[in-house]
Protein backbone atom coordinates (compact mmCIF):
# COMPACT_ATOMS: atom_id res chain seq x y z
CA MET A 1 -0.04 -5.86 -13.14
CA GLY A 2 -2.40 -3.73 -15.41
CA HIS A 3 -2.77 0.21 -16.23
CA VAL A 4 -5.48 2.08 -18.37
CA GLY A 5 -6.24 5.29 -20.24
CA MET A 6 -8.33 6.68 -21.77
CA VAL A 7 -7.41 6.95 -26.12
CA LEU A 8 -7.80 11.33 -26.83
CA ASP A 9 -6.80 10.72 -30.62
CA TYR A 10 -7.13 7.71 -32.72
CA ASP A 11 -4.85 7.84 -36.15
CA SER A 12 -6.11 5.17 -38.31
CA LYS A 13 -4.14 5.95 -41.61
CA THR A 14 -1.21 5.37 -38.86
CA GLY A 15 -2.00 3.38 -35.96
CA GLU A 16 -1.29 6.33 -33.39
CA PHE A 17 -3.60 7.34 -31.09
CA THR A 18 -2.16 10.15 -28.06
CA PHE A 19 -4.28 9.34 -24.97
CA ILE A 20 -4.72 9.96 -20.97
CA HIS A 21 -3.90 8.02 -17.79
CA ALA A 22 -2.80 8.80 -14.05
CA ALA A 23 0.23 7.70 -13.73
CA VAL A 24 2.02 6.82 -9.91
CA SER A 25 4.41 9.43 -9.60
CA THR A 26 3.47 12.99 -11.58
CA GLY A 27 -0.42 12.50 -12.18
CA ILE A 28 -1.94 12.82 -14.89
CA GLU A 29 -0.18 12.64 -17.82
CA ILE A 30 -1.57 13.56 -21.72
CA GLN A 31 1.16 10.52 -23.56
CA LYS A 32 1.71 9.41 -27.22
CA SER A 33 1.97 5.43 -28.09
CA THR A 34 5.54 6.74 -29.51
CA ALA A 35 6.60 7.32 -26.41
CA GLU A 36 8.93 4.94 -25.53
CA TYR A 37 7.73 3.62 -22.25
CA TYR A 38 4.45 3.17 -23.70
CA ALA A 39 5.36 1.63 -26.87
CA LYS A 40 7.36 -1.04 -26.14
CA ARG A 41 4.17 -2.24 -23.55
CA TYR A 42 1.13 -1.55 -24.42
CA ILE A 43 -1.19 -4.74 -25.67
CA GLY A 44 -4.15 -3.51 -27.24
CA ALA A 45 -7.28 -1.51 -26.35
CA ARG A 46 -10.97 -2.30 -26.19
CA ARG A 47 -14.08 0.62 -26.64
CA VAL A 48 -16.07 0.16 -23.49
CA LEU A 49 -19.20 1.68 -25.10
CA PRO A 50 -20.68 0.84 -28.92
CA ASP A 51 -20.11 2.39 -30.88
CA ASP A 52 -24.15 3.53 -31.17
CA SER A 53 -23.69 4.19 -27.45
CA PHE A 54 -21.68 7.34 -28.25
CA ALA A 55 -22.96 8.45 -31.34
CA GLU A 56 -26.73 9.01 -29.14
CA ASP A 57 -24.86 10.34 -26.18
CA SER A 58 -22.25 12.89 -27.55
CA GLY A 59 -24.12 14.02 -31.23
CA GLU A 60 -20.52 12.14 -33.16
CA ASP A 61 -20.16 10.87 -36.03
CA SER A 62 -20.81 7.34 -34.36
CA ASP A 63 -17.85 5.65 -37.51
CA VAL A 64 -14.82 5.50 -34.95
CA ASP A 65 -11.89 2.83 -35.89
CA GLU A 66 -10.41 0.11 -33.14
CA VAL A 67 -7.33 0.86 -31.42
């Protein structure tokens, strides 16, 4: 069984991140990757949109580190 979330903030120095997801029991939650429950279960992350798509759509700098 799997679960997905979206990264909201990423610290490239520590590798820690904040993410949003939908929990079955409590609904929408914002959690830290360092929370004990998620730190034990985290497998990996993937970028859904190419870097250049993000920059064009949001006006943000596309120099974003991958988690």
